[in-house]
Amino acid sequence: MQAYENRQALIDEIVKRADLFIDEFNTIDNKNKDILISDVDRSPSQMIAYQLGWINLLLDWEHGNQNEEVVVTPSPNYKWNNLGGLYEHFYQQYANYSLQELIELFHQDVNRIVKLVECYSDDDLFVPGKRQWASTTPSNWPIWKWIHINTVAPFKTFRTKIRKWRKLNTLEN
């Protein structure tokens, strides 16, 4: 897994990968946002909904800890062995949004996660055990790893998926 020298390096990578990912959607017509293509496991709207879902979970976990709540990860209604159900929840939550609305929400939520990272001390970000929510699994990762695997890593993976979707959608039309 990629590591970061400091908070700013993490922020820079989040912003860079978010921009590269979301820019791939600029040429997709809203009427095609829900089209599933063979060899790609999600539609364009599902790809963005996935990102929005995880970003908002991170933000909710932190909000819960700040309010001295016991945070259940990934969600009170979903366990780690039922992520498929959680993803379906994300897709349904954002199903009625246009592609442009999803893109706007994505930009807003990336800004919110960047502001969160800016608020952490380096100790909070890079030392394990600084948040209850980050210590809920045996991995006891520091916060930066949780943020990385729920922003930078899927932004990279899903950029590849949306590029493949665009190529195959062009071939099928």
C-alpha atoms as a PDB file:
ATOM      1  CA  MET A   1       0.000   0.000   0.000  1.00  0.00           C
ATOM      2  CA  GLN A   2       1.188   3.471  -0.829  1.00  0.00           C
ATOM      3  CA  ALA A   3       2.528   5.459   2.140  1.00  0.00           C
ATOM      4  CA  TYR A   4       2.602   9.209   2.707  1.00  0.00           C
ATOM      5  CA  GLU A   5       5.320  11.452   4.132  1.00  0.00           C
ATOM      6  CA  ASN A   6       2.831  13.766   5.755  1.00  0.00           C
ATOM      7  CA  ARG A   7      -0.722  15.083   5.757  1.00  0.00           C
ATOM      8  CA  GLN A   8      -0.185  17.329   2.725  1.00  0.00           C
ATOM      9  CA  ALA A   9       1.069  14.407   0.637  1.00  0.00           C
ATOM     10  CA  LEU A  10      -2.141  12.506   1.448  1.00  0.00           C
ATOM     11  CA  ILE A  11      -4.287  15.528   0.599  1.00  0.00           C
ATOM     12  CA  ASP A  12      -2.437  16.074  -2.681  1.00  0.00           C
ATOM     13  CA  GLU A  13      -2.948  12.453  -3.694  1.00  0.00           C
ATOM     14  CA  ILE A  14      -6.653  12.492  -2.778  1.00  0.00           C
ATOM     15  CA  VAL A  15      -7.227  15.627  -4.863  1.00  0.00           C
ATOM     16  CA  LYS A  16      -5.157  14.385  -7.802  1.00  0.00           C
ATOM     17  CA  ARG A  17      -6.813  10.957  -7.962  1.00  0.00           C
ATOM     18  CA  ALA A  18     -10.296  12.381  -7.366  1.00  0.00           C
ATOM     19  CA  ASP A  19      -9.881  14.820 -10.252  1.00  0.00           C
ATOM     20  CA  LEU A  20      -8.539  12.144 -12.607  1.00  0.00           C
ATOM     21  CA  PHE A  21     -11.413   9.817 -11.698  1.00  0.00           C
ATOM     22  CA  ILE A  22     -14.296  12.276 -11.929  1.00  0.00           C
ATOM     23  CA  ASP A  23     -13.020  13.932 -15.118  1.00  0.00           C
ATOM     24  CA  GLU A  24     -13.679  10.614 -16.903  1.00  0.00           C
ATOM     25  CA  PHE A  25     -17.428  11.260 -16.550  1.00  0.00           C
ATOM     26  CA  ASN A  26     -17.475  14.573 -18.417  1.00  0.00           C
ATOM     27  CA  THR A  27     -18.175  12.954 -21.784  1.00  0.00           C
ATOM     28  CA  ILE A  28     -20.869  10.534 -20.573  1.00  0.00           C
ATOM     29  CA  ASP A  29     -24.427  11.506 -21.390  1.00  0.00           C
ATOM     30  CA  ASN A  30     -26.856  11.382 -18.479  1.00  0.00           C
ATOM     31  CA  LYS A  31     -29.098   8.987 -20.412  1.00  0.00           C
ATOM     32  CA  ASN A  32     -26.260   6.407 -20.225  1.00  0.00           C
ATOM     33  CA  LYS A  33     -25.512   6.765 -16.503  1.00  0.00           C
ATOM     34  CA  ASP A  34     -27.266   3.521 -15.532  1.00  0.00           C
ATOM     35  CA  ILE A  35     -26.095   1.326 -18.403  1.00  0.00           C
ATOM     36  CA  LEU A  36     -24.279  -1.821 -17.368  1.00  0.00           C
ATOM     37  CA  ILE A  37     -21.705  -3.092 -19.820  1.00  0.00           C
ATOM     38  CA  SER A  38     -20.445  -6.651 -19.968  1.00  0.00           C
ATOM     39  CA  ASP A  39     -16.958  -6.962 -18.461  1.00  0.00           C
ATOM     40  CA  VAL A  40     -17.525  -3.912 -16.205  1.00  0.00           C
ATOM     41  CA  ASP A  41     -19.206  -4.631 -12.891  1.00  0.00           C
ATOM     42  CA  ARG A  42     -20.852  -1.221 -12.326  1.00  0.00           C
ATOM     43  CA  SER A  43     -22.645   1.480 -14.255  1.00  0.00           C
ATOM     44  CA  PRO A  44     -21.260   5.030 -14.226  1.00  0.00           C
ATOM     45  CA  SER A  45     -23.784   6.139 -11.602  1.00  0.00           C
ATOM     46  CA  GLN A  46     -22.941   3.127  -9.436  1.00  0.00           C
ATOM     47  CA  MET A  47     -19.242   3.948  -9.628  1.00  0.00           C
ATOM     48  CA  ILE A  48     -19.827   7.444  -8.286  1.00  0.00           C
ATOM     49  CA  ALA A  49     -22.377   6.221  -5.726  1.00  0.00           C
ATOM     50  CA  TYR A  50     -19.764   3.772  -4.406  1.00  0.00           C
ATOM     51  CA  GLN A  51     -17.288   6.621  -3.905  1.00  0.00           C
ATOM     52  CA  LEU A  52     -19.893   8.864  -2.269  1.00  0.00           C
ATOM     53  CA  GLY A  53     -20.982   6.065   0.025  1.00  0.00           C
ATOM     54  CA  TRP A  54     -17.507   5.327   1.358  1.00  0.00           C
ATOM     55  CA  ILE A  55     -16.516   8.972   1.712  1.00  0.00           C
ATOM     56  CA  ASN A  56     -19.662   9.633   3.703  1.00  0.00           C
ATOM     57  CA  LEU A  57     -19.068   6.588   5.893  1.00  0.00           C
ATOM     58  CA  LEU A  58     -15.619   7.954   6.777  1.00  0.00           C
ATOM     59  CA  LEU A  59     -17.131  11.333   7.589  1.00  0.00           C
ATOM     60  CA  ASP A  60     -19.904   9.713   9.637  1.00  0.00           C
ATOM     61  CA  TRP A  61     -17.420   7.587  11.587  1.00  0.00           C
ATOM     62  CA  GLU A  62     -15.439  10.669  12.530  1.00  0.00           C
ATOM     63  CA  HIS A  63     -18.574  12.631  13.385  1.00  0.00           C
ATOM     64  CA  GLY A  64     -19.719   9.792  15.636  1.00  0.00           C
ATOM     65  CA  ASN A  65     -16.383   9.689  17.461  1.00  0.00           C
ATOM     66  CA  GLN A  66     -16.424  13.454  17.933  1.00  0.00           C
ATOM     67  CA  ASN A  67     -19.862  13.079  19.540  1.00  0.00           C
ATOM     68  CA  GLU A  68     -18.492  10.316  21.793  1.00  0.00           C
ATOM     69  CA  GLU A  69     -20.660   7.686  20.109  1.00  0.00           C
ATOM     70  CA  VAL A  70     -19.504   4.103  19.678  1.00  0.00           C
ATOM     71  CA  VAL A  71     -19.060   3.777  15.938  1.00  0.00           C
ATOM     72  CA  VAL A  72     -19.906   0.485  14.245  1.00  0.00           C
ATOM     73  CA  THR A  73     -17.974  -0.109  11.046  1.00  0.00           C
ATOM     74  CA  PRO A  74     -18.720  -0.340   8.263  1.00  0.00           C
ATOM     75  CA  SER A  75     -22.322   0.509   9.255  1.00  0.00           C
ATOM     76  CA  PRO A  76     -24.800  -0.556  11.936  1.00  0.00           C
ATOM     77  CA  ASN A  77     -26.885  -2.295   9.255  1.00  0.00           C
ATOM     78  CA  TYR A  78     -24.016  -4.015   7.413  1.00  0.00           C
ATOM     79  CA  LYS A  79     -21.133  -6.178   8.527  1.00  0.00           C
ATOM     80  CA  TRP A  80     -17.777  -6.545   6.771  1.00  0.00           C
ATOM     81  CA  ASN A  81     -18.953  -9.877   5.335  1.00  0.00           C
ATOM     82  CA  ASN A  82     -21.952  -8.178   3.660  1.00  0.00           C
ATOM     83  CA  LEU A  83     -20.340  -5.392   1.667  1.00  0.00           C
ATOM     84  CA  GLY A  84     -22.446  -6.300  -1.370  1.00  0.00           C
ATOM     85  CA  GLY A  85     -25.536  -5.264   0.579  1.00  0.00           C
ATOM     86  CA  LEU A  86     -23.836  -2.029   1.593  1.00  0.00           C
ATOM     87  CA  TYR A  87     -22.964  -1.270  -2.039  1.00  0.00           C
ATOM     88  CA  GLU A  88     -26.581  -1.885  -3.077  1.00  0.00           C
ATOM     89  CA  HIS A  89     -27.600   0.586  -0.373  1.00  0.00           C
ATOM     90  CA  PHE A  90     -25.212   3.167  -1.870  1.00  0.00           C
ATOM     91  CA  TYR A  91     -26.629   2.593  -5.366  1.00  0.00           C
ATOM     92  CA  GLN A  92     -30.210   3.002  -4.154  1.00  0.00           C
ATOM     93  CA  GLN A  93     -29.340   6.065  -2.089  1.00  0.00           C
ATOM     94  CA  TYR A  94     -28.066   7.916  -5.171  1.00  0.00           C
ATOM     95  CA  ALA A  95     -30.215   6.292  -7.878  1.00  0.00           C
ATOM     96  CA  ASN A  96     -32.402   9.327  -8.563  1.00  0.00           C
ATOM     97  CA  TYR A  97     -29.562  11.787  -9.066  1.00  0.00           C
ATOM     98  CA  SER A  98     -28.476  12.918 -12.516  1.00  0.00           C
ATOM     99  CA  LEU A  99     -24.892  12.311 -13.526  1.00  0.00           C
ATOM    100  CA  GLN A 100     -24.155  16.024 -13.146  1.00  0.00           C
ATOM    101  CA  GLU A 101     -25.646  16.031  -9.641  1.00  0.00           C
ATOM    102  CA  LEU A 102     -23.519  13.016  -8.718  1.00  0.00           C
ATOM    103  CA  ILE A 103     -20.410  14.764 -10.030  1.00  0.00           C
ATOM    104  CA  GLU A 104     -21.240  17.866  -7.983  1.00  0.00           C
ATOM    105  CA  LEU A 105     -21.818  15.763  -4.844  1.00  0.00           C
ATOM    106  CA  PHE A 106     -18.526  14.015  -5.462  1.00  0.00           C
ATOM    107  CA  HIS A 107     -16.653  17.334  -5.618  1.00  0.00           C
ATOM    108  CA  GLN A 108     -18.358  18.514  -2.427  1.00  0.00           C
ATOM    109  CA  ASP A 109     -17.597  15.300  -0.563  1.00  0.00           C
ATOM    110  CA  VAL A 110     -13.963  15.219  -1.674  1.00  0.00           C
ATOM    111  CA  ASN A 111     -13.652  18.769  -0.325  1.00  0.00           C
ATOM    112  CA  ARG A 112     -15.200  17.601   2.951  1.00  0.00           C
ATOM    113  CA  ILE A 113     -12.735  14.706   3.284  1.00  0.00           C
ATOM    114  CA  VAL A 114      -9.820  17.028   2.498  1.00  0.00           C
ATOM    115  CA  LYS A 115     -11.010  19.415   5.232  1.00  0.00           C
ATOM    116  CA  LEU A 116     -11.188  16.486   7.622  1.00  0.00           C
ATOM    117  CA  VAL A 117      -7.610  15.458   6.820  1.00  0.00           C
ATOM    118  CA  GLU A 118      -6.485  19.067   7.294  1.00  0.00           C
ATOM    119  CA  CYS A 119      -7.974  19.030  10.810  1.00  0.00           C
ATOM    120  CA  TYR A 120      -6.060  15.945  11.938  1.00  0.00           C
ATOM    121  CA  SER A 121      -2.689  16.267  13.580  1.00  0.00           C
ATOM    122  CA  ASP A 122       0.090  14.154  12.090  1.00  0.00           C
ATOM    123  CA  ASP A 123      -0.122  12.045  15.246  1.00  0.00           C
ATOM    124  CA  ASP A 124      -3.852  11.464  14.687  1.00  0.00           C
ATOM    125  CA  LEU A 125      -3.264  10.505  11.062  1.00  0.00           C
ATOM    126  CA  PHE A 126      -0.201   8.315  11.300  1.00  0.00           C
ATOM    127  CA  VAL A 127      -0.304   6.626  14.727  1.00  0.00           C
ATOM    128  CA  PRO A 128      -2.691   3.671  15.199  1.00  0.00           C
ATOM    129  CA  GLY A 129      -5.335   3.807  17.892  1.00  0.00           C
ATOM    130  CA  LYS A 130      -6.193   7.504  17.658  1.00  0.00           C
ATOM    131  CA  ARG A 131      -9.864   6.938  16.826  1.00  0.00           C
ATOM    132  CA  GLN A 132     -12.243   4.264  18.048  1.00  0.00           C
ATOM    133  CA  TRP A 133     -13.634   3.762  14.564  1.00  0.00           C
ATOM    134  CA  ALA A 134     -10.157   3.133  13.129  1.00  0.00           C
ATOM    135  CA  SER A 135      -9.518   0.504  15.798  1.00  0.00           C
ATOM    136  CA  THR A 136     -12.675  -1.547  15.211  1.00  0.00           C
ATOM    137  CA  THR A 137     -10.973  -4.232  13.152  1.00  0.00           C
ATOM    138  CA  PRO A 138      -7.990  -6.392  14.124  1.00  0.00           C
ATOM    139  CA  SER A 139      -5.815  -4.422  11.713  1.00  0.00           C
ATOM    140  CA  ASN A 140      -5.887  -1.354  14.001  1.00  0.00           C
ATOM    141  CA  TRP A 141      -4.765   0.798  11.097  1.00  0.00           C
ATOM    142  CA  PRO A 142      -3.869   4.444  11.498  1.00  0.00           C
ATOM    143  CA  ILE A 143      -6.465   6.821  10.060  1.00  0.00           C
ATOM    144  CA  TRP A 144      -4.459   7.587   6.906  1.00  0.00           C
ATOM    145  CA  LYS A 145      -4.794   3.958   5.754  1.00  0.00           C
ATOM    146  CA  TRP A 146      -8.562   4.040   6.177  1.00  0.00           C
ATOM    147  CA  ILE A 147      -8.731   7.264   4.213  1.00  0.00           C
ATOM    148  CA  HIS A 148      -6.414   5.915   1.510  1.00  0.00           C
ATOM    149  CA  ILE A 149      -8.355   2.668   0.971  1.00  0.00           C
ATOM    150  CA  ASN A 150     -11.645   4.543   0.804  1.00  0.00           C
ATOM    151  CA  THR A 151     -10.530   7.408  -1.449  1.00  0.00           C
ATOM    152  CA  VAL A 152      -7.242   7.164  -3.354  1.00  0.00           C
ATOM    153  CA  ALA A 153      -7.280   3.396  -3.933  1.00  0.00           C
ATOM    154  CA  PRO A 154     -10.830   3.168  -5.327  1.00  0.00           C
ATOM    155  CA  PHE A 155     -10.403   6.394  -7.288  1.00  0.00           C
ATOM    156  CA  LYS A 156      -7.565   4.644  -9.148  1.00  0.00           C
ATOM    157  CA  THR A 157      -9.416   1.347  -9.552  1.00  0.00           C
ATOM    158  CA  PHE A 158     -12.654   2.926 -10.669  1.00  0.00           C
ATOM    159  CA  ARG A 159     -10.910   5.250 -13.093  1.00  0.00           C
ATOM    160  CA  THR A 160      -9.754   2.135 -14.911  1.00  0.00           C
ATOM    161  CA  LYS A 161     -13.309   0.750 -14.785  1.00  0.00           C
ATOM    162  CA  ILE A 162     -14.959   3.895 -16.160  1.00  0.00           C
ATOM    163  CA  ARG A 163     -12.406   4.123 -18.942  1.00  0.00           C
ATOM    164  CA  LYS A 164     -13.139   0.504 -19.873  1.00  0.00           C
ATOM    165  CA  TRP A 165     -16.886   1.231 -19.638  1.00  0.00           C
ATOM    166  CA  ARG A 166     -16.537   4.223 -21.976  1.00  0.00           C
ATOM    167  CA  LYS A 167     -14.524   2.209 -24.503  1.00  0.00           C
ATOM    168  CA  LEU A 168     -16.930  -0.732 -24.479  1.00  0.00           C
ATOM    169  CA  ASN A 169     -19.999   1.516 -24.536  1.00  0.00           C
ATOM    170  CA  THR A 170     -18.650   3.160 -27.686  1.00  0.00           C
ATOM    171  CA  LEU A 171     -18.112  -0.272 -29.266  1.00  0.00           C
ATOM    172  CA  GLU A 172     -21.596  -1.495 -28.348  1.00  0.00           C
ATOM    173  CA  ASN A 173     -23.390   1.611 -29.689  1.00  0.00           C
END
